[in-house]
Structures are given as C-alpha cells and as structure tokens.
Amino acid sequence: MEGQNLPVVLNGQSLWAYVVEQSDGLRLRFSLDDWEKVFLEPGQRVPLSLPNGSELRLYVDRVRQEPPFVWVTAVRRLLASR
C-alpha cells in the first residue's frame, strides 16, 4: 500500500491524512483526535479537498478504528449490496 501524508480538507475541517488512492476512491488514515472533529457515518457524502486542487465528493463507505488511528474508505459510488 503506497500513500502519502497530505493536508486535506474533509467536510470543512483541515486535517492531516495518510492518503492511498484506490480504483474506486481513497483510503485515508486519520489520527483518532482529528477523526473526532469530523466524525462521519458510513453512507454520508462528504466534500474532500486535496492539496493538488482536486475537489471530490465521496461517500464514506467504511470506518475502522485502530487506536490511535482511524481508517476511512471513501468511494465515488456506494454499492447497494453493502
């Protein structure tokens, strides 16, 4: 898994995240403290800005807490079978 630490803006909050690109969206790792600032639920559609100027609207698909981190899978489309 290759990724990079980047400053992002998620749902209006500026945070640092470890960002991994995937074919259907992004996988992001946040500190638990940062995640608590923007706590989101699976299924929620959120705006995400990256430092390269990309403005995305992704759905929170999965949230997995592994203290002191939280892994979030954000996708372009939610599948009905999940």
N, C-alpha and C. Protein backbone atom coordinates (compact mmCIF):
# COMPACT_ATOMS: atom_id res chain seq x y z
N MET A 1 0.86 -1.17 0.00
CA MET A 1 0.00 0.00 0.00
C MET A 1 0.90 1.23 0.00
N GLU A 2 0.86 1.97 -1.08
CA GLU A 2 1.63 3.21 -1.16
C GLU A 2 0.70 4.39 -0.99
N GLY A 3 1.13 5.32 -0.20
CA GLY A 3 0.35 6.52 0.02
C GLY A 3 1.27 7.63 0.48
N GLN A 4 0.64 8.73 0.88
CA GLN A 4 1.44 9.85 1.37
C GLN A 4 0.64 10.66 2.37
N ASN A 5 1.37 11.28 3.31
CA ASN A 5 0.74 12.17 4.28
C ASN A 5 0.47 13.51 3.61
N LEU A 6 -0.78 13.93 3.66
CA LEU A 6 -1.18 15.16 2.99
C LEU A 6 -2.11 15.98 3.87
N PRO A 7 -2.06 17.30 3.72
CA PRO A 7 -3.08 18.12 4.36
C PRO A 7 -4.35 18.05 3.50
N VAL A 8 -5.46 17.75 4.10
CA VAL A 8 -6.73 17.66 3.38
C VAL A 8 -7.77 18.52 4.09
N VAL A 9 -8.83 18.82 3.38
CA VAL A 9 -9.99 19.46 4.00
C VAL A 9 -11.15 18.49 3.81
N LEU A 10 -11.63 17.96 4.92
CA LEU A 10 -12.71 16.98 4.91
C LEU A 10 -13.91 17.58 5.60
N ASN A 11 -14.97 17.73 4.85
CA ASN A 11 -16.22 18.26 5.41
C ASN A 11 -15.99 19.60 6.12
N GLY A 12 -15.11 20.42 5.53
CA GLY A 12 -14.85 21.76 6.07
C GLY A 12 -13.77 21.85 7.13
N GLN A 13 -13.21 20.72 7.55
CA GLN A 13 -12.17 20.69 8.58
C GLN A 13 -10.81 20.39 7.96
N SER A 14 -9.80 21.18 8.29
CA SER A 14 -8.44 20.94 7.82
C SER A 14 -7.77 19.90 8.71
N LEU A 15 -7.28 18.83 8.08
CA LEU A 15 -6.69 17.71 8.80
C LEU A 15 -5.49 17.18 8.02
N TRP A 16 -4.66 16.41 8.69
CA TRP A 16 -3.62 15.66 8.01
C TRP A 16 -4.10 14.23 7.89
N ALA A 17 -3.87 13.64 6.72
CA ALA A 17 -4.28 12.25 6.50
C ALA A 17 -3.23 11.53 5.69
N TYR A 18 -3.11 10.24 5.95
CA TYR A 18 -2.32 9.37 5.09
C TYR A 18 -3.29 8.93 4.01
N VAL A 19 -3.01 9.27 2.76
CA VAL A 19 -3.96 9.07 1.66
C VAL A 19 -3.43 8.01 0.71
N VAL A 20 -4.26 7.01 0.43
CA VAL A 20 -3.94 5.95 -0.51
C VAL A 20 -5.01 5.96 -1.60
N GLU A 21 -4.58 6.12 -2.86
CA GLU A 21 -5.54 6.09 -3.97
C GLU A 21 -5.95 4.65 -4.26
N GLN A 22 -7.24 4.46 -4.52
CA GLN A 22 -7.78 3.16 -4.90
C GLN A 22 -8.58 3.35 -6.17
N SER A 23 -8.90 2.25 -6.83
CA SER A 23 -9.62 2.35 -8.11
C SER A 23 -10.99 3.01 -7.96
N ASP A 24 -11.65 2.84 -6.82
CA ASP A 24 -13.00 3.38 -6.64
C ASP A 24 -13.06 4.58 -5.70
N GLY A 25 -11.91 5.09 -5.26
CA GLY A 25 -11.91 6.23 -4.34
C GLY A 25 -10.60 6.35 -3.60
N LEU A 26 -10.69 6.59 -2.29
CA LEU A 26 -9.50 6.79 -1.47
C LEU A 26 -9.63 6.03 -0.17
N ARG A 27 -8.49 5.66 0.36
CA ARG A 27 -8.41 5.14 1.72
C ARG A 27 -7.61 6.16 2.50
N LEU A 28 -8.13 6.60 3.63
CA LEU A 28 -7.50 7.66 4.40
C LEU A 28 -7.29 7.21 5.84
N ARG A 29 -6.14 7.58 6.40
CA ARG A 29 -5.88 7.30 7.80
C ARG A 29 -5.74 8.62 8.53
N PHE A 30 -6.56 8.78 9.57
CA PHE A 30 -6.55 9.99 10.39
C PHE A 30 -6.15 9.61 11.81
N SER A 31 -5.63 10.58 12.55
CA SER A 31 -5.47 10.35 13.99
C SER A 31 -6.87 10.30 14.59
N LEU A 32 -7.00 9.57 15.67
CA LEU A 32 -8.30 9.47 16.33
C LEU A 32 -8.80 10.84 16.77
N ASP A 33 -7.88 11.69 17.25
CA ASP A 33 -8.26 13.05 17.67
C ASP A 33 -8.84 13.85 16.51
N ASP A 34 -8.18 13.78 15.34
CA ASP A 34 -8.69 14.50 14.17
C ASP A 34 -10.02 13.94 13.71
N TRP A 35 -10.15 12.62 13.72
CA TRP A 35 -11.39 11.99 13.28
C TRP A 35 -12.56 12.43 14.13
N GLU A 36 -12.33 12.59 15.42
CA GLU A 36 -13.41 13.01 16.31
C GLU A 36 -13.91 14.42 16.00
N LYS A 37 -13.09 15.22 15.32
CA LYS A 37 -13.52 16.56 14.91
C LYS A 37 -14.58 16.51 13.81
N VAL A 38 -14.52 15.48 12.97
CA VAL A 38 -15.41 15.42 11.80
C VAL A 38 -16.26 14.16 11.78
N PHE A 39 -16.34 13.47 12.91
CA PHE A 39 -16.97 12.15 12.98
C PHE A 39 -18.11 12.02 11.96
N LEU A 40 -17.93 11.09 11.05
CA LEU A 40 -18.89 10.86 9.97
C LEU A 40 -19.37 9.42 10.02
N GLU A 41 -20.53 9.20 9.48
CA GLU A 41 -21.12 7.87 9.45
C GLU A 41 -20.99 7.26 8.05
N PRO A 42 -20.86 5.93 7.97
CA PRO A 42 -20.89 5.28 6.65
C PRO A 42 -22.18 5.65 5.91
N GLY A 43 -22.04 5.90 4.63
CA GLY A 43 -23.16 6.31 3.79
C GLY A 43 -23.25 7.81 3.59
N GLN A 44 -22.57 8.56 4.43
CA GLN A 44 -22.61 10.02 4.33
C GLN A 44 -21.74 10.50 3.18
N ARG A 45 -22.23 11.44 2.39
CA ARG A 45 -21.46 12.02 1.29
C ARG A 45 -20.80 13.30 1.80
N VAL A 46 -19.48 13.38 1.57
CA VAL A 46 -18.72 14.50 2.12
C VAL A 46 -17.80 15.11 1.07
N PRO A 47 -17.56 16.43 1.18
CA PRO A 47 -16.58 17.07 0.30
C PRO A 47 -15.17 16.83 0.84
N LEU A 48 -14.24 16.61 -0.07
CA LEU A 48 -12.84 16.39 0.29
C LEU A 48 -11.97 17.16 -0.68
N SER A 49 -11.09 18.01 -0.14
CA SER A 49 -10.16 18.78 -0.97
C SER A 49 -8.75 18.28 -0.71
N LEU A 50 -7.99 18.09 -1.79
CA LEU A 50 -6.61 17.65 -1.71
C LEU A 50 -5.69 18.81 -2.08
N PRO A 51 -4.41 18.76 -1.68
CA PRO A 51 -3.51 19.87 -1.95
C PRO A 51 -3.24 20.14 -3.43
N ASN A 52 -3.49 19.16 -4.29
CA ASN A 52 -3.27 19.38 -5.73
C ASN A 52 -4.43 20.13 -6.38
N GLY A 53 -5.41 20.54 -5.58
CA GLY A 53 -6.54 21.29 -6.09
C GLY A 53 -7.76 20.44 -6.40
N SER A 54 -7.63 19.12 -6.25
CA SER A 54 -8.78 18.24 -6.51
C SER A 54 -9.87 18.47 -5.47
N GLU A 55 -11.08 18.66 -5.97
CA GLU A 55 -12.26 18.80 -5.12
C GLU A 55 -13.13 17.58 -5.38
N LEU A 56 -13.28 16.72 -4.39
CA LEU A 56 -14.03 15.49 -4.56
C LEU A 56 -15.26 15.48 -3.67
N ARG A 57 -16.27 14.73 -4.08
CA ARG A 57 -17.43 14.45 -3.22
C ARG A 57 -17.52 12.94 -3.16
N LEU A 58 -17.16 12.40 -2.01
CA LEU A 58 -17.09 10.95 -1.85
C LEU A 58 -18.04 10.49 -0.75
N TYR A 59 -18.40 9.22 -0.82
CA TYR A 59 -19.22 8.60 0.22
C TYR A 59 -18.32 7.87 1.21
N VAL A 60 -18.61 8.03 2.48
CA VAL A 60 -17.92 7.25 3.50
C VAL A 60 -18.48 5.83 3.41
N ASP A 61 -17.62 4.89 3.05
CA ASP A 61 -18.06 3.50 2.90
C ASP A 61 -17.79 2.70 4.16
N ARG A 62 -16.58 2.80 4.68
CA ARG A 62 -16.21 2.05 5.88
C ARG A 62 -15.37 2.92 6.80
N VAL A 63 -15.54 2.67 8.09
CA VAL A 63 -14.72 3.34 9.11
C VAL A 63 -14.23 2.24 10.05
N ARG A 64 -12.91 2.16 10.20
CA ARG A 64 -12.33 1.15 11.09
C ARG A 64 -11.39 1.84 12.07
N GLN A 65 -11.72 1.75 13.34
CA GLN A 65 -10.88 2.36 14.37
C GLN A 65 -9.81 1.38 14.82
N GLU A 66 -8.58 1.84 14.74
CA GLU A 66 -7.42 1.10 15.24
C GLU A 66 -6.58 2.11 16.02
N PRO A 67 -7.03 2.43 17.26
CA PRO A 67 -6.35 3.48 18.01
C PRO A 67 -4.83 3.31 17.98
N PRO A 68 -4.12 4.39 17.73
CA PRO A 68 -4.53 5.79 17.76
C PRO A 68 -4.99 6.32 16.40
N PHE A 69 -5.33 5.42 15.46
CA PHE A 69 -5.73 5.86 14.12
C PHE A 69 -7.13 5.39 13.78
N VAL A 70 -7.67 6.02 12.73
CA VAL A 70 -8.94 5.61 12.14
C VAL A 70 -8.72 5.51 10.64
N TRP A 71 -9.08 4.36 10.06
CA TRP A 71 -9.01 4.17 8.62
C TRP A 71 -10.40 4.39 8.03
N VAL A 72 -10.47 5.21 6.99
CA VAL A 72 -11.74 5.52 6.33
C VAL A 72 -11.62 5.17 4.85
N THR A 73 -12.55 4.40 4.36
CA THR A 73 -12.63 4.13 2.93
C THR A 73 -13.72 5.03 2.37
N ALA A 74 -13.35 5.88 1.42
CA ALA A 74 -14.29 6.83 0.80
C ALA A 74 -14.36 6.50 -0.69
N VAL A 75 -15.57 6.32 -1.20
CA VAL A 75 -15.75 5.86 -2.57
C VAL A 75 -16.62 6.83 -3.38
N ARG A 76 -16.49 6.71 -4.69
CA ARG A 76 -17.30 7.55 -5.58
C ARG A 76 -18.77 7.14 -5.58
N ARG A 77 -18.99 5.82 -5.48
CA ARG A 77 -20.35 5.28 -5.51
C ARG A 77 -20.50 4.20 -4.44
N LEU A 78 -21.61 4.18 -3.77
CA LEU A 78 -21.91 3.12 -2.82
C LEU A 78 -22.60 1.99 -3.55
N LEU A 79 -22.22 0.77 -3.21
CA LEU A 79 -22.90 -0.39 -3.80
C LEU A 79 -24.06 -0.79 -2.91
N ALA A 80 -25.19 -1.13 -3.52
CA ALA A 80 -26.40 -1.45 -2.77
C ALA A 80 -26.24 -2.70 -1.92
N SER A 81 -25.35 -3.60 -2.29
CA SER A 81 -25.23 -4.86 -1.57
C SER A 81 -24.49 -4.76 -0.25
N ARG A 82 -23.91 -3.61 0.08
CA ARG A 82 -23.14 -3.48 1.33
C ARG A 82 -24.02 -3.17 2.49
